[in-house]
Amino acid sequence: MKIYTRTGDAGETSLFGGGRVPKSHARVSAYGEVDELNAVIGVALAALDAEGETGARLAGVQRDLFALGAHLATPPAREGRRRPQLPELPLHRIDAFEQWMDRADEELEPLRAFILPGGGAAAAALHHARTVCRRAERAVVDLAAVEEVDASITRYLNRLSDLLFTMARLENARAGHEDVTWSGGS
């Protein structure tokens, strides 16, 4: 099987479950942003100790993001067309994210100012992943404004961005890097 099909050369792509849309369609943007988030998390994993707690958790998140992407790449069932079997949305992970953040907060100094992205390489990569996660969330919200989207996908991404922020702070703290705070001036 060849990786190239030439079917997208005219600016359209096929959706999971049937149908074709322009590559600029809100649905393609939403699952494309989630795909980029997955790749950026892969970069963060490369900067982390993959055997550590954060690495193991992010590896699970990457698998979750494939499930979210499958749901986003699948339009609602239309007359004469069934919706394909999709992987289960990882809704249990939302509660796990909150528990992980609560445990991390016990180890972190309380937030008293805005934090600038940076610190060590792993923390900087996690901050980058957080910003891509927020963009993916905005793309999903845009899609939900025009087509049916399971609301739990937005909840997942919203909580994930919080988790990525907390993980970045935790990685900095464990590496001995202080958070750089924004003071409002130059």
N, C-alpha and C. Protein backbone atom coordinates (compact mmCIF):
# COMPACT_ATOMS: atom_id res chain seq x y z
N MET A 1 0.84 -1.17 0.00
CA MET A 1 0.00 0.00 0.00
C MET A 1 0.89 1.24 0.00
N LYS A 2 0.65 2.13 -0.92
CA LYS A 2 1.43 3.37 -1.00
C LYS A 2 0.87 4.40 -0.05
N ILE A 3 1.76 5.26 0.45
CA ILE A 3 1.34 6.29 1.39
C ILE A 3 0.59 7.41 0.67
N TYR A 4 0.92 7.63 -0.58
CA TYR A 4 0.22 8.68 -1.32
C TYR A 4 -0.91 8.07 -2.15
N THR A 5 -2.02 8.80 -2.21
CA THR A 5 -3.18 8.31 -2.95
C THR A 5 -3.57 9.24 -4.09
N ARG A 6 -3.12 10.47 -4.02
CA ARG A 6 -3.45 11.52 -5.00
C ARG A 6 -4.90 11.98 -4.91
N THR A 7 -5.68 11.39 -4.00
CA THR A 7 -7.09 11.76 -3.93
C THR A 7 -7.29 13.13 -3.29
N GLY A 8 -6.29 13.65 -2.61
CA GLY A 8 -6.41 14.96 -1.98
C GLY A 8 -5.78 16.08 -2.77
N ASP A 9 -5.33 15.79 -3.96
CA ASP A 9 -4.62 16.79 -4.75
C ASP A 9 -5.48 18.00 -5.13
N ALA A 10 -6.79 17.83 -5.13
CA ALA A 10 -7.68 18.93 -5.49
C ALA A 10 -8.17 19.69 -4.26
N GLY A 11 -7.58 19.40 -3.08
CA GLY A 11 -7.94 20.15 -1.88
C GLY A 11 -9.09 19.58 -1.09
N GLU A 12 -9.45 18.33 -1.35
CA GLU A 12 -10.50 17.68 -0.58
C GLU A 12 -9.92 16.45 0.11
N THR A 13 -10.63 16.00 1.15
CA THR A 13 -10.22 14.79 1.86
C THR A 13 -11.44 13.97 2.22
N SER A 14 -11.23 12.69 2.45
CA SER A 14 -12.32 11.80 2.84
C SER A 14 -12.44 11.78 4.35
N LEU A 15 -13.68 11.68 4.81
CA LEU A 15 -13.95 11.56 6.24
C LEU A 15 -14.16 10.10 6.60
N PHE A 16 -13.92 9.77 7.85
CA PHE A 16 -14.17 8.42 8.34
C PHE A 16 -15.67 8.21 8.32
N GLY A 17 -16.11 7.15 7.71
CA GLY A 17 -17.54 6.90 7.62
C GLY A 17 -18.16 7.40 6.33
N GLY A 18 -17.36 8.00 5.48
CA GLY A 18 -17.85 8.43 4.18
C GLY A 18 -17.99 9.92 4.02
N GLY A 19 -17.98 10.33 2.80
CA GLY A 19 -18.12 11.73 2.46
C GLY A 19 -16.76 12.40 2.25
N ARG A 20 -16.78 13.46 1.48
CA ARG A 20 -15.58 14.24 1.21
C ARG A 20 -15.88 15.70 1.53
N VAL A 21 -14.87 16.39 2.04
CA VAL A 21 -15.00 17.80 2.38
C VAL A 21 -13.72 18.52 1.99
N PRO A 22 -13.79 19.85 1.86
CA PRO A 22 -12.56 20.60 1.61
C PRO A 22 -11.60 20.45 2.80
N LYS A 23 -10.33 20.49 2.54
CA LYS A 23 -9.34 20.37 3.61
C LYS A 23 -9.39 21.55 4.57
N SER A 24 -10.10 22.60 4.19
CA SER A 24 -10.27 23.76 5.07
C SER A 24 -11.53 23.64 5.94
N HIS A 25 -12.26 22.55 5.84
CA HIS A 25 -13.49 22.34 6.59
C HIS A 25 -13.20 22.33 8.09
N ALA A 26 -14.15 22.82 8.89
CA ALA A 26 -13.98 22.88 10.34
C ALA A 26 -13.70 21.51 10.95
N ARG A 27 -14.26 20.47 10.40
CA ARG A 27 -14.03 19.12 10.93
C ARG A 27 -12.58 18.71 10.71
N VAL A 28 -12.04 19.00 9.55
CA VAL A 28 -10.65 18.65 9.24
C VAL A 28 -9.71 19.49 10.11
N SER A 29 -10.05 20.75 10.32
CA SER A 29 -9.24 21.60 11.20
C SER A 29 -9.21 21.04 12.61
N ALA A 30 -10.37 20.60 13.11
CA ALA A 30 -10.45 20.10 14.48
C ALA A 30 -9.60 18.85 14.66
N TYR A 31 -9.77 17.85 13.78
CA TYR A 31 -8.97 16.65 14.00
C TYR A 31 -7.51 16.86 13.62
N GLY A 32 -7.25 17.83 12.74
CA GLY A 32 -5.85 18.16 12.42
C GLY A 32 -5.14 18.81 13.60
N GLU A 33 -5.84 19.65 14.34
CA GLU A 33 -5.24 20.27 15.53
C GLU A 33 -4.98 19.22 16.61
N VAL A 34 -5.90 18.27 16.75
CA VAL A 34 -5.69 17.19 17.73
C VAL A 34 -4.50 16.33 17.30
N ASP A 35 -4.35 16.12 16.00
CA ASP A 35 -3.21 15.36 15.50
C ASP A 35 -1.90 16.11 15.79
N GLU A 36 -1.89 17.43 15.59
CA GLU A 36 -0.70 18.21 15.91
C GLU A 36 -0.41 18.14 17.41
N LEU A 37 -1.43 18.23 18.22
CA LEU A 37 -1.25 18.12 19.67
C LEU A 37 -0.57 16.79 20.01
N ASN A 38 -1.02 15.73 19.39
CA ASN A 38 -0.42 14.42 19.64
C ASN A 38 1.07 14.43 19.28
N ALA A 39 1.41 15.06 18.17
CA ALA A 39 2.81 15.13 17.75
C ALA A 39 3.64 15.97 18.72
N VAL A 40 3.08 17.08 19.19
CA VAL A 40 3.80 17.95 20.13
C VAL A 40 3.99 17.24 21.47
N ILE A 41 3.01 16.45 21.87
CA ILE A 41 3.18 15.65 23.08
C ILE A 41 4.29 14.62 22.87
N GLY A 42 4.41 14.11 21.65
CA GLY A 42 5.53 13.21 21.34
C GLY A 42 6.87 13.91 21.51
N VAL A 43 6.94 15.18 21.14
CA VAL A 43 8.18 15.95 21.35
C VAL A 43 8.43 16.11 22.84
N ALA A 44 7.39 16.40 23.61
CA ALA A 44 7.54 16.52 25.06
C ALA A 44 8.02 15.20 25.66
N LEU A 45 7.48 14.10 25.19
CA LEU A 45 7.92 12.79 25.67
C LEU A 45 9.40 12.55 25.39
N ALA A 46 9.87 13.03 24.25
CA ALA A 46 11.29 12.87 23.91
C ALA A 46 12.18 13.65 24.87
N ALA A 47 11.65 14.74 25.44
CA ALA A 47 12.43 15.56 26.37
C ALA A 47 12.30 15.07 27.82
N LEU A 48 11.34 14.20 28.07
CA LEU A 48 11.07 13.68 29.42
C LEU A 48 11.74 12.34 29.63
N ASP A 49 11.75 11.91 30.87
CA ASP A 49 12.10 10.54 31.20
C ASP A 49 10.87 9.70 30.87
N ALA A 50 10.89 9.01 29.75
CA ALA A 50 9.72 8.26 29.29
C ALA A 50 9.28 7.20 30.28
N GLU A 51 10.18 6.75 31.14
CA GLU A 51 9.84 5.73 32.12
C GLU A 51 9.19 6.34 33.36
N GLY A 52 9.26 7.65 33.50
CA GLY A 52 8.71 8.30 34.68
C GLY A 52 7.21 8.43 34.62
N GLU A 53 6.66 8.93 35.72
CA GLU A 53 5.22 9.07 35.88
C GLU A 53 4.61 9.96 34.80
N THR A 54 5.22 11.11 34.54
CA THR A 54 4.68 12.03 33.53
C THR A 54 4.71 11.40 32.16
N GLY A 55 5.81 10.73 31.82
CA GLY A 55 5.92 10.08 30.53
C GLY A 55 4.87 9.00 30.33
N ALA A 56 4.65 8.20 31.36
CA ALA A 56 3.64 7.14 31.27
C ALA A 56 2.24 7.72 31.08
N ARG A 57 1.97 8.80 31.79
CA ARG A 57 0.65 9.42 31.66
C ARG A 57 0.45 10.02 30.27
N LEU A 58 1.48 10.66 29.76
CA LEU A 58 1.37 11.26 28.42
C LEU A 58 1.25 10.21 27.33
N ALA A 59 1.86 9.06 27.53
CA ALA A 59 1.72 7.97 26.55
C ALA A 59 0.25 7.54 26.47
N GLY A 60 -0.44 7.51 27.61
CA GLY A 60 -1.88 7.21 27.61
C GLY A 60 -2.67 8.31 26.93
N VAL A 61 -2.27 9.55 27.16
CA VAL A 61 -2.94 10.68 26.51
C VAL A 61 -2.81 10.57 25.00
N GLN A 62 -1.66 10.18 24.52
CA GLN A 62 -1.50 10.05 23.07
C GLN A 62 -2.49 9.05 22.49
N ARG A 63 -2.69 7.94 23.17
CA ARG A 63 -3.68 6.96 22.70
C ARG A 63 -5.10 7.55 22.75
N ASP A 64 -5.37 8.30 23.81
CA ASP A 64 -6.68 8.97 23.92
C ASP A 64 -6.92 9.90 22.74
N LEU A 65 -5.89 10.64 22.37
CA LEU A 65 -6.04 11.63 21.30
C LEU A 65 -6.37 10.97 19.97
N PHE A 66 -5.90 9.74 19.76
CA PHE A 66 -6.30 9.02 18.54
C PHE A 66 -7.79 8.74 18.56
N ALA A 67 -8.33 8.38 19.73
CA ALA A 67 -9.77 8.14 19.84
C ALA A 67 -10.55 9.43 19.61
N LEU A 68 -10.10 10.53 20.19
CA LEU A 68 -10.76 11.82 19.97
C LEU A 68 -10.72 12.17 18.49
N GLY A 69 -9.57 11.98 17.87
CA GLY A 69 -9.43 12.28 16.44
C GLY A 69 -10.38 11.46 15.58
N ALA A 70 -10.56 10.19 15.93
CA ALA A 70 -11.48 9.34 15.17
C ALA A 70 -12.91 9.88 15.27
N HIS A 71 -13.30 10.31 16.45
CA HIS A 71 -14.65 10.89 16.61
C HIS A 71 -14.79 12.19 15.83
N LEU A 72 -13.75 13.01 15.87
CA LEU A 72 -13.81 14.29 15.15
C LEU A 72 -13.78 14.09 13.64
N ALA A 73 -13.14 13.04 13.17
CA ALA A 73 -13.04 12.77 11.74
C ALA A 73 -14.29 12.09 11.18
N THR A 74 -15.27 11.83 12.04
CA THR A 74 -16.47 11.10 11.63
C THR A 74 -17.68 12.01 11.70
N PRO A 75 -18.28 12.31 10.56
CA PRO A 75 -19.47 13.16 10.58
C PRO A 75 -20.66 12.40 11.18
N PRO A 76 -21.67 13.14 11.62
CA PRO A 76 -22.89 12.46 12.12
C PRO A 76 -23.47 11.57 11.02
N ALA A 77 -24.15 10.51 11.44
CA ALA A 77 -24.78 9.60 10.48
C ALA A 77 -25.81 10.36 9.67
N ARG A 78 -25.85 10.10 8.41
CA ARG A 78 -26.83 10.72 7.52
C ARG A 78 -27.74 9.61 6.99
N GLU A 79 -28.85 10.01 6.44
CA GLU A 79 -29.78 9.04 5.88
C GLU A 79 -29.06 8.20 4.82
N GLY A 80 -29.22 6.89 4.94
CA GLY A 80 -28.60 5.98 3.98
C GLY A 80 -27.14 5.68 4.29
N ARG A 81 -26.62 6.23 5.39
CA ARG A 81 -25.22 5.98 5.72
C ARG A 81 -25.11 5.77 7.23
N ARG A 82 -24.54 4.65 7.62
CA ARG A 82 -24.36 4.37 9.04
C ARG A 82 -23.05 4.96 9.53
N ARG A 83 -23.02 5.28 10.80
CA ARG A 83 -21.79 5.76 11.42
C ARG A 83 -20.92 4.54 11.74
N PRO A 84 -19.64 4.58 11.39
CA PRO A 84 -18.78 3.43 11.67
C PRO A 84 -18.56 3.24 13.17
N GLN A 85 -18.11 2.05 13.53
CA GLN A 85 -17.77 1.75 14.92
C GLN A 85 -16.56 2.61 15.31
N LEU A 86 -16.70 3.34 16.41
CA LEU A 86 -15.63 4.23 16.87
C LEU A 86 -15.09 3.76 18.21
N PRO A 87 -13.82 4.09 18.49
CA PRO A 87 -13.29 3.74 19.81
C PRO A 87 -14.03 4.54 20.89
N GLU A 88 -14.08 3.97 22.07
CA GLU A 88 -14.74 4.64 23.18
C GLU A 88 -13.98 5.91 23.54
N LEU A 89 -14.72 6.99 23.82
CA LEU A 89 -14.08 8.21 24.28
C LEU A 89 -13.55 7.98 25.70
N PRO A 90 -12.34 8.43 25.98
CA PRO A 90 -11.70 8.16 27.28
C PRO A 90 -12.17 9.12 28.38
N LEU A 91 -13.44 9.10 28.67
CA LEU A 91 -14.01 10.06 29.63
C LEU A 91 -13.48 9.85 31.05
N HIS A 92 -13.10 8.62 31.38
CA HIS A 92 -12.54 8.35 32.71
C HIS A 92 -11.26 9.15 32.96
N ARG A 93 -10.59 9.51 31.89
CA ARG A 93 -9.31 10.21 32.03
C ARG A 93 -9.50 11.63 32.56
N ILE A 94 -10.66 12.24 32.32
CA ILE A 94 -10.90 13.60 32.80
C ILE A 94 -10.79 13.64 34.32
N ASP A 95 -11.42 12.69 34.99
CA ASP A 95 -11.31 12.61 36.45
C ASP A 95 -9.87 12.32 36.87
N ALA A 96 -9.21 11.45 36.13
CA ALA A 96 -7.81 11.14 36.45
C ALA A 96 -6.95 12.39 36.33
N PHE A 97 -7.20 13.21 35.30
CA PHE A 97 -6.43 14.46 35.15
C PHE A 97 -6.55 15.31 36.41
N GLU A 98 -7.77 15.44 36.90
CA GLU A 98 -8.00 16.27 38.09
C GLU A 98 -7.26 15.70 39.30
N GLN A 99 -7.29 14.39 39.44
CA GLN A 99 -6.57 13.76 40.55
C GLN A 99 -5.07 13.97 40.43
N TRP A 100 -4.53 13.83 39.22
CA TRP A 100 -3.09 14.03 39.00
C TRP A 100 -2.70 15.47 39.33
N MET A 101 -3.55 16.43 38.91
CA MET A 101 -3.25 17.83 39.20
C MET A 101 -3.31 18.11 40.70
N ASP A 102 -4.28 17.54 41.38
CA ASP A 102 -4.39 17.74 42.82
C ASP A 102 -3.14 17.22 43.53
N ARG A 103 -2.65 16.05 43.12
CA ARG A 103 -1.43 15.50 43.73
C ARG A 103 -0.22 16.37 43.40
N ALA A 104 -0.13 16.84 42.17
CA ALA A 104 1.00 17.70 41.78
C ALA A 104 0.98 19.01 42.57
N ASP A 105 -0.21 19.55 42.78
CA ASP A 105 -0.32 20.82 43.52
C ASP A 105 0.23 20.70 44.93
N GLU A 106 0.18 19.51 45.51
CA GLU A 106 0.75 19.30 46.85
C GLU A 106 2.26 19.50 46.84
N GLU A 107 2.87 19.29 45.69
CA GLU A 107 4.32 19.38 45.55
C GLU A 107 4.77 20.76 45.06
N LEU A 108 3.83 21.54 44.54
CA LEU A 108 4.16 22.83 43.91
C LEU A 108 3.85 24.00 44.84
N GLU A 109 4.61 25.07 44.61
CA GLU A 109 4.29 26.33 45.29
C GLU A 109 2.96 26.84 44.74
N PRO A 110 2.14 27.46 45.58
CA PRO A 110 0.87 28.00 45.07
C PRO A 110 1.11 29.06 44.00
N LEU A 111 0.22 29.11 43.04
CA LEU A 111 0.30 30.12 41.99
C LEU A 111 -0.05 31.49 42.56
N ARG A 112 0.80 32.46 42.33
CA ARG A 112 0.54 33.82 42.80
C ARG A 112 0.70 34.85 41.67
N ALA A 113 1.08 34.35 40.50
CA ALA A 113 1.30 35.24 39.34
C ALA A 113 1.17 34.40 38.08
N PHE A 114 1.08 35.09 36.95
CA PHE A 114 1.11 34.39 35.67
C PHE A 114 2.51 33.82 35.44
N ILE A 115 2.56 32.63 34.87
CA ILE A 115 3.81 31.94 34.61
C ILE A 115 4.15 32.06 33.13
N LEU A 116 5.39 32.45 32.85
CA LEU A 116 5.86 32.48 31.47
C LEU A 116 6.31 31.08 31.06
N PRO A 117 6.02 30.68 29.83
CA PRO A 117 6.44 29.35 29.38
C PRO A 117 7.97 29.27 29.33
N GLY A 118 8.50 28.16 29.76
CA GLY A 118 9.94 27.97 29.69
C GLY A 118 10.44 27.11 30.81
N GLY A 119 11.70 27.33 31.16
CA GLY A 119 12.36 26.50 32.16
C GLY A 119 13.23 25.48 31.47
N GLY A 120 13.18 24.25 31.95
CA GLY A 120 13.93 23.17 31.32
C GLY A 120 13.28 22.75 30.01
N ALA A 121 14.00 21.91 29.26
CA ALA A 121 13.51 21.48 27.94
C ALA A 121 12.17 20.74 28.05
N ALA A 122 12.03 19.87 29.04
CA ALA A 122 10.78 19.11 29.18
C ALA A 122 9.62 20.04 29.52
N ALA A 123 9.85 20.97 30.44
CA ALA A 123 8.78 21.91 30.83
C ALA A 123 8.41 22.80 29.65
N ALA A 124 9.40 23.28 28.92
CA ALA A 124 9.11 24.14 27.76
C ALA A 124 8.29 23.37 26.72
N ALA A 125 8.61 22.10 26.51
CA ALA A 125 7.85 21.28 25.56
C ALA A 125 6.42 21.07 26.04
N LEU A 126 6.25 20.91 27.35
CA LEU A 126 4.90 20.76 27.90
C LEU A 126 4.10 22.05 27.80
N HIS A 127 4.76 23.18 28.00
CA HIS A 127 4.07 24.47 27.80
C HIS A 127 3.65 24.61 26.34
N HIS A 128 4.51 24.21 25.42
CA HIS A 128 4.16 24.25 24.00
C HIS A 128 2.95 23.36 23.73
N ALA A 129 2.96 22.17 24.29
CA ALA A 129 1.83 21.26 24.11
C ALA A 129 0.54 21.88 24.66
N ARG A 130 0.65 22.60 25.77
CA ARG A 130 -0.53 23.26 26.35
C ARG A 130 -1.13 24.26 25.37
N THR A 131 -0.28 25.04 24.70
CA THR A 131 -0.82 26.05 23.77
C THR A 131 -1.45 25.38 22.55
N VAL A 132 -0.86 24.30 22.08
CA VAL A 132 -1.45 23.57 20.96
C VAL A 132 -2.77 22.93 21.39
N CYS A 133 -2.83 22.46 22.64
CA CYS A 133 -4.07 21.89 23.17
C CYS A 133 -5.18 22.94 23.19
N ARG A 134 -4.85 24.16 23.62
CA ARG A 134 -5.86 25.24 23.63
C ARG A 134 -6.34 25.53 22.21
N ARG A 135 -5.43 25.51 21.24
CA ARG A 135 -5.83 25.75 19.85
C ARG A 135 -6.74 24.63 19.35
N ALA A 136 -6.41 23.39 19.71
CA ALA A 136 -7.26 22.26 19.33
C ALA A 136 -8.64 22.41 19.95
N GLU A 137 -8.68 22.83 21.19
CA GLU A 137 -9.97 23.05 21.86
C GLU A 137 -10.79 24.10 21.12
N ARG A 138 -10.14 25.20 20.72
CA ARG A 138 -10.86 26.25 19.97
C ARG A 138 -11.39 25.72 18.65
N ALA A 139 -10.61 24.87 17.98
CA ALA A 139 -11.06 24.30 16.71
C ALA A 139 -12.26 23.39 16.92
N VAL A 140 -12.27 22.64 18.00
CA VAL A 140 -13.41 21.76 18.31
C VAL A 140 -14.64 22.61 18.62
N VAL A 141 -14.47 23.69 19.35
CA VAL A 141 -15.59 24.59 19.65
C VAL A 141 -16.13 25.18 18.35
N ASP A 142 -15.24 25.57 17.44
CA ASP A 142 -15.69 26.08 16.13
C ASP A 142 -16.51 25.03 15.38
N LEU A 143 -16.03 23.79 15.39
CA LEU A 143 -16.76 22.71 14.72
C LEU A 143 -18.13 22.50 15.38
N ALA A 144 -18.15 22.51 16.71
CA ALA A 144 -19.41 22.28 17.44
C ALA A 144 -20.44 23.37 17.16
N ALA A 145 -19.98 24.54 16.71
CA ALA A 145 -20.92 25.61 16.39
C ALA A 145 -21.68 25.33 15.11
N VAL A 146 -21.16 24.44 14.26
CA VAL A 146 -21.81 24.17 12.97
C VAL A 146 -22.22 22.72 12.77
N GLU A 147 -21.65 21.81 13.56
CA GLU A 147 -21.98 20.39 13.43
C GLU A 147 -21.99 19.73 14.81
N GLU A 148 -22.60 18.58 14.88
CA GLU A 148 -22.68 17.84 16.14
C GLU A 148 -21.30 17.34 16.56
N VAL A 149 -20.94 17.63 17.82
CA VAL A 149 -19.69 17.15 18.41
C VAL A 149 -20.00 16.75 19.85
N ASP A 150 -19.50 15.61 20.26
CA ASP A 150 -19.68 15.16 21.64
C ASP A 150 -19.02 16.18 22.56
N ALA A 151 -19.78 16.75 23.48
CA ALA A 151 -19.29 17.80 24.37
C ALA A 151 -18.15 17.33 25.27
N SER A 152 -18.05 16.03 25.49
CA SER A 152 -16.97 15.52 26.33
C SER A 152 -15.61 15.72 25.69
N ILE A 153 -15.55 15.86 24.38
CA ILE A 153 -14.27 16.11 23.71
C ILE A 153 -13.72 17.46 24.14
N THR A 154 -14.58 18.47 24.19
CA THR A 154 -14.15 19.79 24.64
C THR A 154 -13.73 19.74 26.10
N ARG A 155 -14.49 19.04 26.93
CA ARG A 155 -14.12 18.90 28.35
C ARG A 155 -12.76 18.24 28.49
N TYR A 156 -12.53 17.18 27.72
CA TYR A 156 -11.25 16.47 27.77
C TYR A 156 -10.11 17.42 27.44
N LEU A 157 -10.24 18.15 26.34
CA LEU A 157 -9.16 19.04 25.91
C LEU A 157 -8.96 20.19 26.89
N ASN A 158 -10.04 20.71 27.44
CA ASN A 158 -9.92 21.79 28.42
C ASN A 158 -9.13 21.32 29.64
N ARG A 159 -9.48 20.16 30.16
CA ARG A 159 -8.79 19.63 31.33
C ARG A 159 -7.36 19.22 30.99
N LEU A 160 -7.15 18.71 29.77
CA LEU A 160 -5.80 18.33 29.37
C LEU A 160 -4.87 19.54 29.34
N SER A 161 -5.36 20.67 28.86
CA SER A 161 -4.50 21.86 28.83
C SER A 161 -4.11 22.27 30.24
N ASP A 162 -5.04 22.16 31.19
CA ASP A 162 -4.71 22.43 32.60
C ASP A 162 -3.65 21.46 33.10
N LEU A 163 -3.80 20.19 32.73
CA LEU A 163 -2.84 19.18 33.15
C LEU A 163 -1.46 19.46 32.57
N LEU A 164 -1.40 19.82 31.30
CA LEU A 164 -0.11 20.10 30.67
C LEU A 164 0.60 21.27 31.34
N PHE A 165 -0.16 22.29 31.73
CA PHE A 165 0.40 23.42 32.46
C PHE A 165 0.97 22.95 33.80
N THR A 166 0.19 22.15 34.51
CA THR A 166 0.63 21.65 35.81
C THR A 166 1.85 20.75 35.65
N MET A 167 1.85 19.89 34.63
CA MET A 167 3.00 19.03 34.39
C MET A 167 4.25 19.85 34.09
N ALA A 168 4.10 20.93 33.34
CA ALA A 168 5.25 21.80 33.03
C ALA A 168 5.82 22.38 34.32
N ARG A 169 4.96 22.88 35.16
CA ARG A 169 5.41 23.43 36.45
C ARG A 169 6.09 22.35 37.30
N LEU A 170 5.52 21.16 37.31
CA LEU A 170 6.07 20.07 38.10
C LEU A 170 7.45 19.65 37.57
N GLU A 171 7.57 19.56 36.26
CA GLU A 171 8.87 19.20 35.67
C GLU A 171 9.93 20.25 36.02
N ASN A 172 9.55 21.53 35.96
CA ASN A 172 10.50 22.58 36.34
C ASN A 172 10.89 22.44 37.82
N ALA A 173 9.91 22.24 38.68
CA ALA A 173 10.19 22.14 40.11
C ALA A 173 11.11 20.96 40.39
N ARG A 174 10.84 19.83 39.79
CA ARG A 174 11.66 18.63 40.03
C ARG A 174 13.06 18.77 39.46
N ALA A 175 13.20 19.59 38.41
CA ALA A 175 14.52 19.81 37.81
C ALA A 175 15.27 20.97 38.46
N GLY A 176 14.63 21.62 39.43
CA GLY A 176 15.29 22.73 40.11
C GLY A 176 15.19 24.05 39.39
N HIS A 177 14.29 24.16 38.41
CA HIS A 177 14.07 25.42 37.69
C HIS A 177 12.88 26.14 38.32
N GLU A 178 13.08 27.37 38.70
CA GLU A 178 11.95 28.15 39.24
C GLU A 178 11.08 28.61 38.08
N ASP A 179 9.78 28.68 38.34
CA ASP A 179 8.88 29.26 37.35
C ASP A 179 9.24 30.72 37.17
N VAL A 180 9.22 31.18 35.94
CA VAL A 180 9.46 32.60 35.65
C VAL A 180 8.08 33.26 35.61
N THR A 181 7.89 34.23 36.47
CA THR A 181 6.58 34.88 36.54
C THR A 181 6.58 36.17 35.73
N TRP A 182 5.40 36.51 35.29
CA TRP A 182 5.19 37.76 34.55
C TRP A 182 4.84 38.85 35.54
N SER A 183 5.55 39.95 35.44
CA SER A 183 5.31 41.03 36.40
C SER A 183 4.47 42.15 35.83
N GLY A 184 4.07 42.05 34.58
CA GLY A 184 3.22 43.07 33.99
C GLY A 184 3.98 44.19 33.30
N GLY A 185 5.26 44.19 33.42
CA GLY A 185 6.07 45.23 32.77
C GLY A 185 7.11 44.62 31.88
N SER A 186 8.00 45.45 31.39
CA SER A 186 9.04 44.92 30.50
C SER A 186 10.34 44.70 31.21
